C-alpha atoms as a PDB file:
ATOM      1  CA  MET A   1       6.699 -50.428   7.656  1.00  0.00           C
ATOM      2  CA  GLN A   2       9.488 -49.177   5.458  1.00  0.00           C
ATOM      3  CA  ARG A   3       9.710 -45.385   5.428  1.00  0.00           C
ATOM      4  CA  GLU A   4      11.806 -42.946   3.410  1.00  0.00           C
ATOM      5  CA  ARG A   5      13.139 -39.561   4.489  1.00  0.00           C
ATOM      6  CA  VAL A   6      10.816 -36.784   3.310  1.00  0.00           C
ATOM      7  CA  PRO A   7      10.705 -32.983   3.810  1.00  0.00           C
ATOM      8  CA  TYR A   8       9.237 -32.016   7.173  1.00  0.00           C
ATOM      9  CA  ASP A   9       6.231 -30.410   5.437  1.00  0.00           C
ATOM     10  CA  HIS A  10       5.375 -33.594   3.448  1.00  0.00           C
ATOM     11  CA  LYS A  11       1.573 -33.923   3.595  1.00  0.00           C
ATOM     12  CA  LEU A  12       1.561 -31.435   6.464  1.00  0.00           C
ATOM     13  CA  ASN A  13      -2.103 -30.549   5.844  1.00  0.00           C
ATOM     14  CA  LYS A  14      -3.058 -34.194   6.434  1.00  0.00           C
ATOM     15  CA  THR A  15      -0.978 -34.325   9.610  1.00  0.00           C
ATOM     16  CA  LEU A  16      -2.722 -31.226  10.971  1.00  0.00           C
ATOM     17  CA  GLU A  17      -6.128 -32.537   9.940  1.00  0.00           C
ATOM     18  CA  LEU A  18      -5.488 -35.827  11.807  1.00  0.00           C
ATOM     19  CA  LEU A  19      -4.222 -33.860  14.778  1.00  0.00           C
ATOM     20  CA  GLN A  20      -7.797 -32.642  15.299  1.00  0.00           C
ATOM     21  CA  LYS A  21      -9.364 -36.048  14.869  1.00  0.00           C
ATOM     22  CA  PRO A  22      -8.489 -38.699  15.868  1.00  0.00           C
ATOM     23  CA  GLY A  23      -5.217 -37.226  17.161  1.00  0.00           C
ATOM     24  CA  LEU A  24      -1.538 -38.038  16.667  1.00  0.00           C
ATOM     25  CA  LEU A  25       0.605 -40.415  18.695  1.00  0.00           C
ATOM     26  CA  LEU A  26       3.526 -38.965  20.636  1.00  0.00           C
ATOM     27  CA  ALA A  27       6.035 -41.558  21.808  1.00  0.00           C
ATOM     28  CA  ALA A  28       9.035 -41.192  24.054  1.00  0.00           C
ATOM     29  CA  SER A  29      11.529 -43.330  25.946  1.00  0.00           C
ATOM     30  CA  LYS A  30      13.370 -42.907  29.198  1.00  0.00           C
ATOM     31  CA  LYS A  31      17.147 -43.386  29.222  1.00  0.00           C
ATOM     32  CA  SER A  32      16.415 -46.736  30.897  1.00  0.00           C
ATOM     33  CA  GLY A  33      14.749 -47.934  27.651  1.00  0.00           C
ATOM     34  CA  GLU A  34      11.133 -47.937  28.910  1.00  0.00           C
ATOM     35  CA  SER A  35       8.738 -46.343  26.389  1.00  0.00           C
ATOM     36  CA  ASN A  36       5.283 -44.839  26.456  1.00  0.00           C
ATOM     37  CA  VAL A  37       2.823 -43.336  23.981  1.00  0.00           C
ATOM     38  CA  MET A  38       0.004 -40.832  24.303  1.00  0.00           C
ATOM     39  CA  THR A  39      -2.495 -39.214  21.994  1.00  0.00           C
ATOM     40  CA  ILE A  40      -2.000 -35.551  21.322  1.00  0.00           C
ATOM     41  CA  GLY A  41      -4.503 -33.113  19.857  1.00  0.00           C
ATOM     42  CA  TRP A  42      -2.750 -29.837  20.661  1.00  0.00           C
ATOM     43  CA  ALA A  43       0.352 -29.153  18.577  1.00  0.00           C
ATOM     44  CA  THR A  44       1.606 -27.303  15.530  1.00  0.00           C
ATOM     45  CA  VAL A  45       4.421 -27.431  13.032  1.00  0.00           C
ATOM     46  CA  GLY A  46       6.415 -24.482  11.761  1.00  0.00           C
ATOM     47  CA  PHE A  47       9.826 -22.992  11.095  1.00  0.00           C
ATOM     48  CA  ILE A  48      11.454 -21.318  14.093  1.00  0.00           C
ATOM     49  CA  TRP A  49      15.099 -20.373  14.700  1.00  0.00           C
ATOM     50  CA  GLY A  50      15.908 -21.510  11.162  1.00  0.00           C
ATOM     51  CA  LYS A  51      14.730 -25.031  12.006  1.00  0.00           C
ATOM     52  CA  PRO A  52      11.641 -27.126  11.334  1.00  0.00           C
ATOM     53  CA  ILE A  53       9.874 -27.409  14.717  1.00  0.00           C
ATOM     54  CA  PHE A  54       7.104 -29.634  15.965  1.00  0.00           C
ATOM     55  CA  MET A  55       5.625 -27.901  18.998  1.00  0.00           C
ATOM     56  CA  ALA A  56       3.656 -30.326  21.183  1.00  0.00           C
ATOM     57  CA  LEU A  57       1.730 -29.503  24.389  1.00  0.00           C
ATOM     58  CA  VAL A  58       1.973 -32.073  27.194  1.00  0.00           C
ATOM     59  CA  ARG A  59       0.501 -31.717  30.659  1.00  0.00           C
ATOM     60  CA  PRO A  60       2.853 -32.441  33.607  1.00  0.00           C
ATOM     61  CA  SER A  61       0.304 -34.932  34.964  1.00  0.00           C
ATOM     62  CA  ARG A  62       0.706 -37.164  31.896  1.00  0.00           C
ATOM     63  CA  TYR A  63       2.964 -40.161  32.265  1.00  0.00           C
ATOM     64  CA  THR A  64       4.714 -39.369  28.971  1.00  0.00           C
ATOM     65  CA  PHE A  65       5.847 -36.029  30.464  1.00  0.00           C
ATOM     66  CA  GLU A  66       8.375 -37.979  32.589  1.00  0.00           C
ATOM     67  CA  PHE A  67       9.758 -39.656  29.467  1.00  0.00           C
ATOM     68  CA  ILE A  68      10.283 -36.440  27.496  1.00  0.00           C
ATOM     69  CA  GLU A  69      11.826 -34.792  30.519  1.00  0.00           C
ATOM     70  CA  ASP A  70      14.275 -37.694  30.888  1.00  0.00           C
ATOM     71  CA  SER A  71      15.293 -38.073  27.250  1.00  0.00           C
ATOM     72  CA  GLN A  72      14.603 -34.614  25.792  1.00  0.00           C
ATOM     73  CA  CYS A  73      13.271 -36.144  22.601  1.00  0.00           C
ATOM     74  CA  PHE A  74      10.086 -37.665  21.150  1.00  0.00           C
ATOM     75  CA  THR A  75       8.478 -38.934  17.977  1.00  0.00           C
ATOM     76  CA  VAL A  76       5.133 -37.876  16.557  1.00  0.00           C
ATOM     77  CA  ASN A  77       3.491 -40.723  14.656  1.00  0.00           C
ATOM     78  CA  VAL A  78       0.674 -40.093  12.199  1.00  0.00           C
ATOM     79  CA  PRO A  79      -1.790 -42.963  12.583  1.00  0.00           C
ATOM     80  CA  ALA A  80      -3.255 -45.044   9.810  1.00  0.00           C
ATOM     81  CA  ASP A  81      -7.037 -45.398   9.735  1.00  0.00           C
ATOM     82  CA  ASP A  82      -6.951 -48.874  11.227  1.00  0.00           C
ATOM     83  CA  LEU A  83      -5.324 -47.442  14.385  1.00  0.00           C
ATOM     84  CA  ARG A  84      -8.265 -45.152  15.282  1.00  0.00           C
ATOM     85  CA  ARG A  85      -9.461 -47.361  18.120  1.00  0.00           C
ATOM     86  CA  TRP A  86      -5.963 -47.583  19.579  1.00  0.00           C
ATOM     87  CA  VAL A  87      -5.491 -43.790  19.277  1.00  0.00           C
ATOM     88  CA  GLY A  88      -8.609 -43.475  21.456  1.00  0.00           C
ATOM     89  CA  ILE A  89      -7.165 -45.911  23.958  1.00  0.00           C
ATOM     90  CA  CYS A  90      -3.836 -44.031  24.068  1.00  0.00           C
ATOM     91  CA  GLY A  91      -5.792 -40.870  24.837  1.00  0.00           C
ATOM     92  CA  SER A  92      -7.839 -42.365  27.618  1.00  0.00           C
ATOM     93  CA  ARG A  93      -5.545 -44.909  29.360  1.00  0.00           C
ATOM     94  CA  SER A  94      -2.392 -44.095  31.219  1.00  0.00           C
ATOM     95  CA  GLY A  95       0.902 -45.887  30.704  1.00  0.00           C
ATOM     96  CA  ARG A  96       1.098 -45.958  34.484  1.00  0.00           C
ATOM     97  CA  GLU A  97      -1.699 -48.555  34.351  1.00  0.00           C
ATOM     98  CA  ILE A  98      -0.871 -50.578  31.228  1.00  0.00           C
ATOM     99  CA  ASP A  99       1.858 -51.094  28.654  1.00  0.00           C
ATOM    100  CA  LYS A 100      -0.038 -49.709  25.667  1.00  0.00           C
ATOM    101  CA  PHE A 101       2.420 -51.206  23.174  1.00  0.00           C
ATOM    102  CA  GLY A 102       2.516 -54.686  24.733  1.00  0.00           C
ATOM    103  CA  GLU A 103      -1.126 -54.937  25.725  1.00  0.00           C
ATOM    104  CA  TYR A 104      -2.269 -54.214  22.143  1.00  0.00           C
ATOM    105  CA  ASN A 105       0.617 -55.911  20.242  1.00  0.00           C
ATOM    106  CA  ILE A 106       1.778 -52.657  18.658  1.00  0.00           C
ATOM    107  CA  ALA A 107       5.171 -53.040  16.993  1.00  0.00           C
ATOM    108  CA  THR A 108       7.741 -50.301  17.297  1.00  0.00           C
ATOM    109  CA  THR A 109      11.137 -49.594  15.785  1.00  0.00           C
ATOM    110  CA  PRO A 110      13.806 -47.256  17.212  1.00  0.00           C
ATOM    111  CA  ALA A 111      13.857 -43.878  15.554  1.00  0.00           C
ATOM    112  CA  GLN A 112      16.768 -43.126  13.215  1.00  0.00           C
ATOM    113  CA  THR A 113      17.797 -39.794  14.718  1.00  0.00           C
ATOM    114  CA  VAL A 114      16.564 -39.699  18.351  1.00  0.00           C
ATOM    115  CA  ALA A 115      16.307 -42.159  21.267  1.00  0.00           C
ATOM    116  CA  ALA A 116      12.551 -42.752  20.984  1.00  0.00           C
ATOM    117  CA  PRO A 117      10.345 -45.374  19.351  1.00  0.00           C
ATOM    118  CA  THR A 118       8.430 -45.084  16.115  1.00  0.00           C
ATOM    119  CA  ILE A 119       5.167 -46.961  15.624  1.00  0.00           C
ATOM    120  CA  ASP A 120       5.506 -49.397  12.732  1.00  0.00           C
ATOM    121  CA  ALA A 121       1.874 -49.134  11.616  1.00  0.00           C
ATOM    122  CA  CYS A 122       2.078 -45.316  11.201  1.00  0.00           C
ATOM    123  CA  PRO A 123       2.805 -44.197   7.646  1.00  0.00           C
ATOM    124  CA  MET A 124       4.409 -40.855   8.700  1.00  0.00           C
ATOM    125  CA  VAL A 125       6.748 -40.105  11.590  1.00  0.00           C
ATOM    126  CA  TYR A 126       8.485 -36.964  12.853  1.00  0.00           C
ATOM    127  CA  GLU A 127      11.629 -37.496  14.964  1.00  0.00           C
ATOM    128  CA  CYS A 128      12.150 -34.530  17.328  1.00  0.00           C
ATOM    129  CA  GLN A 129      14.903 -33.315  19.675  1.00  0.00           C
ATOM    130  CA  VAL A 130      13.728 -30.858  22.324  1.00  0.00           C
ATOM    131  CA  VAL A 131      15.506 -27.515  21.744  1.00  0.00           C
ATOM    132  CA  HIS A 132      13.301 -25.429  24.050  1.00  0.00           C
ATOM    133  CA  TYR A 133      10.298 -25.663  26.345  1.00  0.00           C
ATOM    134  CA  ASN A 134       8.014 -23.177  28.000  1.00  0.00           C
ATOM    135  CA  ASP A 135       5.425 -23.681  30.686  1.00  0.00           C
ATOM    136  CA  LEU A 136       2.097 -22.130  29.805  1.00  0.00           C
ATOM    137  CA  ILE A 137       1.532 -18.879  31.765  1.00  0.00           C
ATOM    138  CA  PRO A 138      -1.997 -19.031  33.186  1.00  0.00           C
ATOM    139  CA  ALA A 139      -2.179 -15.251  33.715  1.00  0.00           C
ATOM    140  CA  ASN A 140      -1.678 -14.742  29.942  1.00  0.00           C
ATOM    141  CA  LEU A 141      -4.615 -16.964  28.936  1.00  0.00           C
ATOM    142  CA  THR A 142      -7.997 -15.489  28.130  1.00  0.00           C
ATOM    143  CA  PRO A 143     -10.477 -16.354  30.882  1.00  0.00           C
ATOM    144  CA  GLU A 144     -12.650 -18.415  28.515  1.00  0.00           C
ATOM    145  CA  ILE A 145      -9.711 -20.617  27.398  1.00  0.00           C
ATOM    146  CA  ASP A 146      -8.545 -21.021  30.991  1.00  0.00           C
ATOM    147  CA  ALA A 147     -12.022 -22.050  32.099  1.00  0.00           C
ATOM    148  CA  SER A 148     -12.717 -24.400  29.182  1.00  0.00           C
ATOM    149  CA  ALA A 149      -9.273 -26.053  28.877  1.00  0.00           C
ATOM    150  CA  TYR A 150      -7.795 -25.969  32.376  1.00  0.00           C
ATOM    151  CA  GLY A 151     -10.194 -25.016  35.132  1.00  0.00           C
ATOM    152  CA  GLY A 152      -7.243 -23.486  36.936  1.00  0.00           C
ATOM    153  CA  THR A 153      -5.011 -26.561  37.046  1.00  0.00           C
ATOM    154  CA  ASP A 154      -2.569 -28.774  35.129  1.00  0.00           C
ATOM    155  CA  TYR A 155      -1.310 -26.301  32.564  1.00  0.00           C
ATOM    156  CA  HIS A 156       0.669 -27.617  29.639  1.00  0.00           C
ATOM    157  CA  ARG A 157       4.385 -27.536  28.971  1.00  0.00           C
ATOM    158  CA  LEU A 158       5.089 -26.580  25.343  1.00  0.00           C
ATOM    159  CA  TYR A 159       7.902 -28.657  23.856  1.00  0.00           C
ATOM    160  CA  PHE A 160       9.693 -27.248  20.844  1.00  0.00           C
ATOM    161  CA  GLY A 161      11.035 -30.311  19.020  1.00  0.00           C
ATOM    162  CA  HIS A 162      13.554 -29.759  16.245  1.00  0.00           C
ATOM    163  CA  ILE A 163      12.412 -32.138  13.527  1.00  0.00           C
ATOM    164  CA  LEU A 164      15.653 -34.035  12.849  1.00  0.00           C
ATOM    165  CA  GLY A 165      13.938 -36.393  10.471  1.00  0.00           C
ATOM    166  CA  ALA A 166      10.567 -36.850   8.824  1.00  0.00           C
ATOM    167  CA  PHE A 167       9.882 -40.245   7.356  1.00  0.00           C
ATOM    168  CA  ALA A 168       6.964 -41.560   5.350  1.00  0.00           C
ATOM    169  CA  ASP A 169       5.878 -44.815   3.743  1.00  0.00           C
ATOM    170  CA  PRO A 170       6.502 -44.445  -0.044  1.00  0.00           C
ATOM    171  CA  SER A 171       2.747 -44.843  -0.658  1.00  0.00           C
ATOM    172  CA  TYR A 172       1.820 -42.081   1.792  1.00  0.00           C
END
């Protein structure tokens, strides 16, 4: 898919709507070149430190966590409708078990600004360089969120990704 550079807030309402359902696809590579993808449903976009930032939450238990830690970058890919089934698979199967790209014949292209893949079938992509991260502080959570989202374990790391490039299909 041919994409053009667009402002980071291009169709942002649609991105945030799809974040809730079916989810967005976060992809990252290790320095070795190996790549992985996962579905994310917890994230936001804003302007922090004078930069457009995509803040994504990733649990340390997720395989993709290792990839972001190694490369300090990621892409967020906004899926087309025909990828809904695969988005579900990426949210329920670990890259430790299967190569999600290879197993499902999903084509990727290297990002233009970071060392991570973009998913060809996605009409919108954000290319992000980690500029900061924070580990969620359990003691600062309300008890109801802690109980419903964590049960006392596997708290997220919040990655603040400087959006170095946002790219969209011209028809998007």
